[in-house]
Amino acid sequence: MINLDKKIFKALSNSENGEVNANTVFYYSQKENIISAKYDGGEIIKGNIVGKQLKNGDFDFVYLHINKDGQLKVGKCLSTAILEDGKIKLFEKWQWLNDDMSSGTSELIEIKRLSKQNETKN
């Protein structure tokens, strides 16, 4: 199974009703099947993720963030991970749990480690 511990991701694509974009960076941690992450950038000022890895290897999590408009957004997501060219890709099906309750899809890709300063985000 794919492990997300100390992995960093950015978005490749997102549905129009999503707020994550190519400037949003995700910093994941994983201990056993428990997942957590922090994210920021683009339209997101500060975000957090918590969830678990399922027995089939998928990731089930909830997220919340505050955007540049000062809105608090909450959602849930089911992610499927694959290895492609030595990098992890996450294919995500998500839904807002507030506001319009709409849903969408996104794709994230693992990126190389950033500066030492950014490693402390998790």
N, C-alpha and C. Protein backbone atom coordinates (compact mmCIF):
# COMPACT_ATOMS: atom_id res chain seq x y z
N MET A 1 0.84 -1.19 0.00
CA MET A 1 0.00 0.00 0.00
C MET A 1 0.88 1.25 0.00
N ILE A 2 0.36 2.29 -0.58
CA ILE A 2 1.08 3.56 -0.67
C ILE A 2 0.95 4.29 0.67
N ASN A 3 2.07 4.83 1.15
CA ASN A 3 2.12 5.58 2.40
C ASN A 3 2.37 7.05 2.07
N LEU A 4 1.63 7.95 2.72
CA LEU A 4 1.73 9.38 2.44
C LEU A 4 2.64 10.13 3.41
N ASP A 5 3.28 9.43 4.34
CA ASP A 5 4.08 10.11 5.35
C ASP A 5 5.20 10.94 4.72
N LYS A 6 5.27 12.19 5.13
CA LYS A 6 6.28 13.16 4.69
C LYS A 6 6.23 13.43 3.18
N LYS A 7 5.09 13.21 2.57
CA LYS A 7 4.92 13.48 1.14
C LYS A 7 4.29 14.85 0.95
N ILE A 8 4.69 15.51 -0.12
CA ILE A 8 4.19 16.85 -0.45
C ILE A 8 3.54 16.78 -1.83
N PHE A 9 2.37 17.41 -1.96
CA PHE A 9 1.59 17.35 -3.19
C PHE A 9 1.16 18.75 -3.62
N LYS A 10 0.88 18.86 -4.93
CA LYS A 10 0.21 20.04 -5.46
C LYS A 10 -0.87 19.55 -6.42
N ALA A 11 -1.81 20.43 -6.73
CA ALA A 11 -2.93 20.05 -7.59
C ALA A 11 -2.53 20.10 -9.05
N LEU A 12 -2.96 19.08 -9.80
CA LEU A 12 -2.85 19.07 -11.26
C LEU A 12 -4.14 19.56 -11.89
N SER A 13 -5.27 19.23 -11.25
CA SER A 13 -6.57 19.65 -11.77
C SER A 13 -7.57 19.67 -10.63
N ASN A 14 -8.66 20.40 -10.86
CA ASN A 14 -9.74 20.47 -9.87
C ASN A 14 -11.01 20.91 -10.59
N SER A 15 -12.14 20.47 -10.09
CA SER A 15 -13.41 20.92 -10.62
C SER A 15 -13.57 22.42 -10.41
N GLU A 16 -14.37 23.03 -11.24
CA GLU A 16 -14.56 24.48 -11.21
C GLU A 16 -15.07 24.98 -9.86
N ASN A 17 -15.86 24.16 -9.16
CA ASN A 17 -16.43 24.57 -7.87
C ASN A 17 -15.48 24.32 -6.69
N GLY A 18 -14.26 23.85 -6.97
CA GLY A 18 -13.26 23.65 -5.92
C GLY A 18 -12.43 24.90 -5.70
N GLU A 19 -11.69 24.92 -4.61
CA GLU A 19 -10.87 26.09 -4.29
C GLU A 19 -9.37 25.80 -4.38
N VAL A 20 -8.99 24.55 -4.45
CA VAL A 20 -7.59 24.17 -4.58
C VAL A 20 -7.13 24.44 -6.01
N ASN A 21 -5.89 24.97 -6.16
CA ASN A 21 -5.33 25.17 -7.50
C ASN A 21 -3.85 24.81 -7.48
N ALA A 22 -3.15 25.07 -8.57
CA ALA A 22 -1.75 24.67 -8.71
C ALA A 22 -0.84 25.34 -7.69
N ASN A 23 -1.30 26.40 -7.04
CA ASN A 23 -0.50 27.09 -6.02
C ASN A 23 -0.75 26.57 -4.61
N THR A 24 -1.66 25.61 -4.46
CA THR A 24 -1.95 25.01 -3.16
C THR A 24 -1.00 23.84 -2.94
N VAL A 25 -0.36 23.81 -1.78
CA VAL A 25 0.60 22.75 -1.45
C VAL A 25 0.10 22.00 -0.21
N PHE A 26 0.17 20.67 -0.27
CA PHE A 26 -0.29 19.78 0.80
C PHE A 26 0.91 19.08 1.41
N TYR A 27 0.96 19.05 2.76
CA TYR A 27 2.06 18.42 3.50
C TYR A 27 1.45 17.29 4.34
N TYR A 28 1.64 16.03 3.92
CA TYR A 28 1.00 14.89 4.55
C TYR A 28 1.87 14.20 5.59
N SER A 29 1.19 13.62 6.59
CA SER A 29 1.79 12.72 7.57
C SER A 29 0.92 11.48 7.64
N GLN A 30 1.54 10.34 7.90
CA GLN A 30 0.78 9.11 8.08
C GLN A 30 1.47 8.25 9.12
N LYS A 31 0.69 7.77 10.09
CA LYS A 31 1.16 6.81 11.08
C LYS A 31 0.18 5.67 11.07
N GLU A 32 0.66 4.49 10.66
CA GLU A 32 -0.19 3.33 10.43
C GLU A 32 -1.25 3.72 9.42
N ASN A 33 -2.54 3.66 9.78
CA ASN A 33 -3.57 4.01 8.78
C ASN A 33 -4.16 5.41 9.01
N ILE A 34 -3.59 6.18 9.93
CA ILE A 34 -4.11 7.51 10.25
C ILE A 34 -3.36 8.58 9.43
N ILE A 35 -4.13 9.42 8.76
CA ILE A 35 -3.60 10.45 7.87
C ILE A 35 -3.89 11.83 8.46
N SER A 36 -2.92 12.73 8.32
CA SER A 36 -3.18 14.14 8.60
C SER A 36 -2.39 14.95 7.59
N ALA A 37 -2.83 16.17 7.37
CA ALA A 37 -2.13 17.05 6.44
C ALA A 37 -2.48 18.49 6.75
N LYS A 38 -1.58 19.36 6.34
CA LYS A 38 -1.82 20.79 6.35
C LYS A 38 -1.68 21.26 4.91
N TYR A 39 -2.43 22.28 4.54
CA TYR A 39 -2.31 22.81 3.19
C TYR A 39 -2.58 24.30 3.18
N ASP A 40 -1.97 24.97 2.19
CA ASP A 40 -2.16 26.40 2.02
C ASP A 40 -1.70 26.78 0.62
N GLY A 41 -1.97 28.03 0.26
CA GLY A 41 -1.55 28.54 -1.04
C GLY A 41 -2.72 28.71 -1.98
N GLY A 42 -2.54 29.56 -2.96
CA GLY A 42 -3.62 29.87 -3.89
C GLY A 42 -4.74 30.58 -3.16
N GLU A 43 -5.94 30.06 -3.23
CA GLU A 43 -7.10 30.65 -2.56
C GLU A 43 -7.20 30.27 -1.09
N ILE A 44 -6.33 29.36 -0.64
CA ILE A 44 -6.42 28.82 0.72
C ILE A 44 -5.41 29.51 1.64
N ILE A 45 -5.90 30.09 2.74
CA ILE A 45 -5.00 30.69 3.73
C ILE A 45 -4.43 29.60 4.63
N LYS A 46 -5.30 28.71 5.15
CA LYS A 46 -4.85 27.64 6.03
C LYS A 46 -5.87 26.52 5.97
N GLY A 47 -5.37 25.28 5.83
CA GLY A 47 -6.26 24.13 5.79
C GLY A 47 -5.69 22.94 6.53
N ASN A 48 -6.59 22.05 6.98
CA ASN A 48 -6.21 20.83 7.67
C ASN A 48 -7.02 19.65 7.15
N ILE A 49 -6.38 18.49 7.15
CA ILE A 49 -7.00 17.24 6.73
C ILE A 49 -6.78 16.21 7.83
N VAL A 50 -7.78 15.38 8.08
CA VAL A 50 -7.62 14.22 8.95
C VAL A 50 -8.42 13.07 8.34
N GLY A 51 -7.87 11.87 8.44
CA GLY A 51 -8.57 10.73 7.86
C GLY A 51 -7.84 9.44 8.11
N LYS A 52 -8.21 8.44 7.30
CA LYS A 52 -7.62 7.12 7.46
C LYS A 52 -7.44 6.44 6.11
N GLN A 53 -6.51 5.50 6.09
CA GLN A 53 -6.31 4.67 4.90
C GLN A 53 -7.18 3.43 5.07
N LEU A 54 -7.97 3.15 4.07
CA LEU A 54 -8.87 2.00 4.10
C LEU A 54 -8.11 0.71 3.76
N LYS A 55 -8.72 -0.41 4.05
CA LYS A 55 -8.07 -1.71 3.79
C LYS A 55 -7.73 -1.92 2.32
N ASN A 56 -8.49 -1.28 1.40
CA ASN A 56 -8.20 -1.42 -0.03
C ASN A 56 -7.12 -0.46 -0.51
N GLY A 57 -6.57 0.38 0.43
CA GLY A 57 -5.50 1.32 0.08
C GLY A 57 -5.97 2.73 -0.20
N ASP A 58 -7.27 2.93 -0.40
CA ASP A 58 -7.80 4.28 -0.61
C ASP A 58 -7.71 5.09 0.68
N PHE A 59 -7.86 6.40 0.55
CA PHE A 59 -7.82 7.31 1.69
C PHE A 59 -9.17 7.99 1.84
N ASP A 60 -9.72 7.94 3.05
CA ASP A 60 -11.00 8.55 3.36
C ASP A 60 -10.72 9.66 4.36
N PHE A 61 -11.03 10.92 3.99
CA PHE A 61 -10.72 12.00 4.92
C PHE A 61 -11.71 13.15 4.84
N VAL A 62 -11.62 13.99 5.85
CA VAL A 62 -12.37 15.25 5.88
C VAL A 62 -11.36 16.38 5.90
N TYR A 63 -11.79 17.52 5.39
CA TYR A 63 -10.90 18.67 5.33
C TYR A 63 -11.66 19.92 5.71
N LEU A 64 -10.92 20.90 6.18
CA LEU A 64 -11.49 22.21 6.44
C LEU A 64 -10.42 23.25 6.18
N HIS A 65 -10.86 24.38 5.68
CA HIS A 65 -9.92 25.47 5.44
C HIS A 65 -10.63 26.82 5.50
N ILE A 66 -9.80 27.84 5.59
CA ILE A 66 -10.31 29.20 5.48
C ILE A 66 -9.70 29.78 4.20
N ASN A 67 -10.55 30.38 3.38
CA ASN A 67 -10.08 30.91 2.10
C ASN A 67 -9.79 32.41 2.19
N LYS A 68 -9.31 32.97 1.10
CA LYS A 68 -8.93 34.39 1.07
C LYS A 68 -10.11 35.33 1.31
N ASP A 69 -11.33 34.84 1.10
CA ASP A 69 -12.52 35.64 1.36
C ASP A 69 -12.96 35.55 2.81
N GLY A 70 -12.20 34.81 3.64
CA GLY A 70 -12.54 34.66 5.05
C GLY A 70 -13.61 33.63 5.32
N GLN A 71 -13.96 32.82 4.30
CA GLN A 71 -14.98 31.80 4.47
C GLN A 71 -14.36 30.51 5.01
N LEU A 72 -15.07 29.89 5.96
CA LEU A 72 -14.67 28.59 6.47
C LEU A 72 -15.37 27.54 5.62
N LYS A 73 -14.59 26.65 5.00
CA LYS A 73 -15.14 25.61 4.12
C LYS A 73 -14.81 24.24 4.70
N VAL A 74 -15.77 23.31 4.61
CA VAL A 74 -15.62 21.96 5.15
C VAL A 74 -16.05 20.97 4.08
N GLY A 75 -15.31 19.85 3.97
CA GLY A 75 -15.67 18.84 2.98
C GLY A 75 -15.16 17.47 3.35
N LYS A 76 -15.54 16.51 2.50
CA LYS A 76 -15.05 15.14 2.65
C LYS A 76 -14.50 14.69 1.31
N CYS A 77 -13.63 13.68 1.35
CA CYS A 77 -12.96 13.25 0.13
C CYS A 77 -12.60 11.77 0.22
N LEU A 78 -12.69 11.09 -0.90
CA LEU A 78 -12.18 9.72 -1.05
C LEU A 78 -11.12 9.77 -2.14
N SER A 79 -9.89 9.38 -1.78
CA SER A 79 -8.76 9.45 -2.72
C SER A 79 -8.23 8.07 -3.03
N THR A 80 -7.93 7.86 -4.30
CA THR A 80 -7.26 6.65 -4.75
C THR A 80 -5.86 7.04 -5.19
N ALA A 81 -4.87 6.32 -4.67
CA ALA A 81 -3.47 6.63 -4.98
C ALA A 81 -2.91 5.62 -5.97
N ILE A 82 -2.11 6.13 -6.92
CA ILE A 82 -1.37 5.26 -7.83
C ILE A 82 0.07 5.77 -7.90
N LEU A 83 0.97 4.88 -8.25
CA LEU A 83 2.35 5.28 -8.52
C LEU A 83 2.51 5.42 -10.02
N GLU A 84 3.02 6.57 -10.47
CA GLU A 84 3.23 6.81 -11.89
C GLU A 84 4.56 7.53 -12.06
N ASP A 85 5.47 6.93 -12.80
CA ASP A 85 6.80 7.51 -13.02
C ASP A 85 7.51 7.87 -11.72
N GLY A 86 7.34 7.01 -10.70
CA GLY A 86 8.02 7.20 -9.43
C GLY A 86 7.37 8.23 -8.52
N LYS A 87 6.24 8.80 -8.92
CA LYS A 87 5.53 9.78 -8.10
C LYS A 87 4.14 9.26 -7.77
N ILE A 88 3.65 9.67 -6.61
CA ILE A 88 2.29 9.30 -6.21
C ILE A 88 1.32 10.30 -6.82
N LYS A 89 0.24 9.78 -7.40
CA LYS A 89 -0.87 10.62 -7.86
C LYS A 89 -2.09 10.24 -7.04
N LEU A 90 -2.84 11.25 -6.62
CA LEU A 90 -4.08 11.05 -5.89
C LEU A 90 -5.24 11.49 -6.77
N PHE A 91 -6.17 10.57 -7.01
CA PHE A 91 -7.39 10.86 -7.75
C PHE A 91 -8.50 10.98 -6.72
N GLU A 92 -9.11 12.16 -6.64
CA GLU A 92 -10.00 12.46 -5.54
C GLU A 92 -11.43 12.75 -5.99
N LYS A 93 -12.37 12.20 -5.23
CA LYS A 93 -13.79 12.54 -5.36
C LYS A 93 -14.17 13.23 -4.06
N TRP A 94 -14.59 14.48 -4.15
CA TRP A 94 -14.85 15.24 -2.94
C TRP A 94 -16.23 15.88 -2.97
N GLN A 95 -16.66 16.33 -1.77
CA GLN A 95 -17.95 17.02 -1.65
C GLN A 95 -17.85 18.05 -0.53
N TRP A 96 -18.38 19.23 -0.79
CA TRP A 96 -18.50 20.23 0.26
C TRP A 96 -19.56 19.77 1.26
N LEU A 97 -19.32 20.01 2.54
CA LEU A 97 -20.29 19.68 3.58
C LEU A 97 -20.96 20.92 4.15
N ASN A 98 -20.68 22.07 3.54
CA ASN A 98 -21.39 23.31 3.87
C ASN A 98 -21.63 24.07 2.57
N ASP A 99 -22.24 25.20 2.66
CA ASP A 99 -22.60 26.02 1.49
C ASP A 99 -23.50 25.24 0.54
N ASP A 100 -23.08 25.04 -0.70
CA ASP A 100 -23.98 24.44 -1.70
C ASP A 100 -23.96 22.91 -1.73
N MET A 101 -23.10 22.27 -0.92
CA MET A 101 -23.02 20.81 -0.84
C MET A 101 -22.65 20.16 -2.17
N SER A 102 -22.08 20.93 -3.09
CA SER A 102 -21.72 20.39 -4.40
C SER A 102 -20.52 19.46 -4.28
N SER A 103 -20.26 18.71 -5.34
CA SER A 103 -19.15 17.76 -5.35
C SER A 103 -18.29 17.98 -6.59
N GLY A 104 -17.14 17.32 -6.59
CA GLY A 104 -16.24 17.45 -7.72
C GLY A 104 -15.12 16.43 -7.66
N THR A 105 -14.17 16.60 -8.55
CA THR A 105 -13.00 15.72 -8.60
C THR A 105 -11.74 16.57 -8.71
N SER A 106 -10.67 16.02 -8.23
CA SER A 106 -9.38 16.68 -8.36
C SER A 106 -8.29 15.63 -8.49
N GLU A 107 -7.13 16.08 -8.94
CA GLU A 107 -5.98 15.21 -9.08
C GLU A 107 -4.77 15.94 -8.50
N LEU A 108 -4.07 15.26 -7.58
CA LEU A 108 -2.87 15.81 -6.97
C LEU A 108 -1.68 14.98 -7.39
N ILE A 109 -0.49 15.60 -7.41
CA ILE A 109 0.73 14.88 -7.73
C ILE A 109 1.79 15.21 -6.69
N GLU A 110 2.56 14.18 -6.35
CA GLU A 110 3.66 14.36 -5.40
C GLU A 110 4.73 15.26 -6.01
N ILE A 111 5.24 16.17 -5.21
CA ILE A 111 6.33 17.03 -5.65
C ILE A 111 7.52 16.81 -4.73
N LYS A 112 8.68 17.27 -5.17
CA LYS A 112 9.88 17.12 -4.35
C LYS A 112 9.78 17.95 -3.10
N ARG A 113 10.55 17.55 -2.12
CA ARG A 113 10.61 18.26 -0.84
C ARG A 113 10.98 19.71 -1.06
N LEU A 114 10.33 20.59 -0.31
CA LEU A 114 10.62 22.01 -0.39
C LEU A 114 11.74 22.35 0.60
N SER A 115 11.92 23.60 0.89
CA SER A 115 13.00 24.03 1.79
C SER A 115 12.79 23.46 3.20
N LYS A 116 13.86 23.45 3.99
CA LYS A 116 13.80 22.97 5.37
C LYS A 116 12.74 23.72 6.17
N GLN A 117 12.58 25.01 5.91
CA GLN A 117 11.60 25.82 6.62
C GLN A 117 10.20 25.23 6.45
N ASN A 118 9.85 24.79 5.24
CA ASN A 118 8.53 24.24 4.97
C ASN A 118 8.32 22.86 5.56
N GLU A 119 9.39 22.13 5.86
CA GLU A 119 9.24 20.79 6.41
C GLU A 119 8.61 20.81 7.79
N THR A 120 8.65 21.93 8.48
CA THR A 120 8.08 22.01 9.82
C THR A 120 6.57 22.23 9.80
N LYS A 121 5.96 22.34 8.64
CA LYS A 121 4.52 22.60 8.55
C LYS A 121 3.71 21.46 9.14
N ASN A 122 4.20 20.21 9.06
CA ASN A 122 3.47 19.09 9.64
C ASN A 122 3.86 18.95 11.06
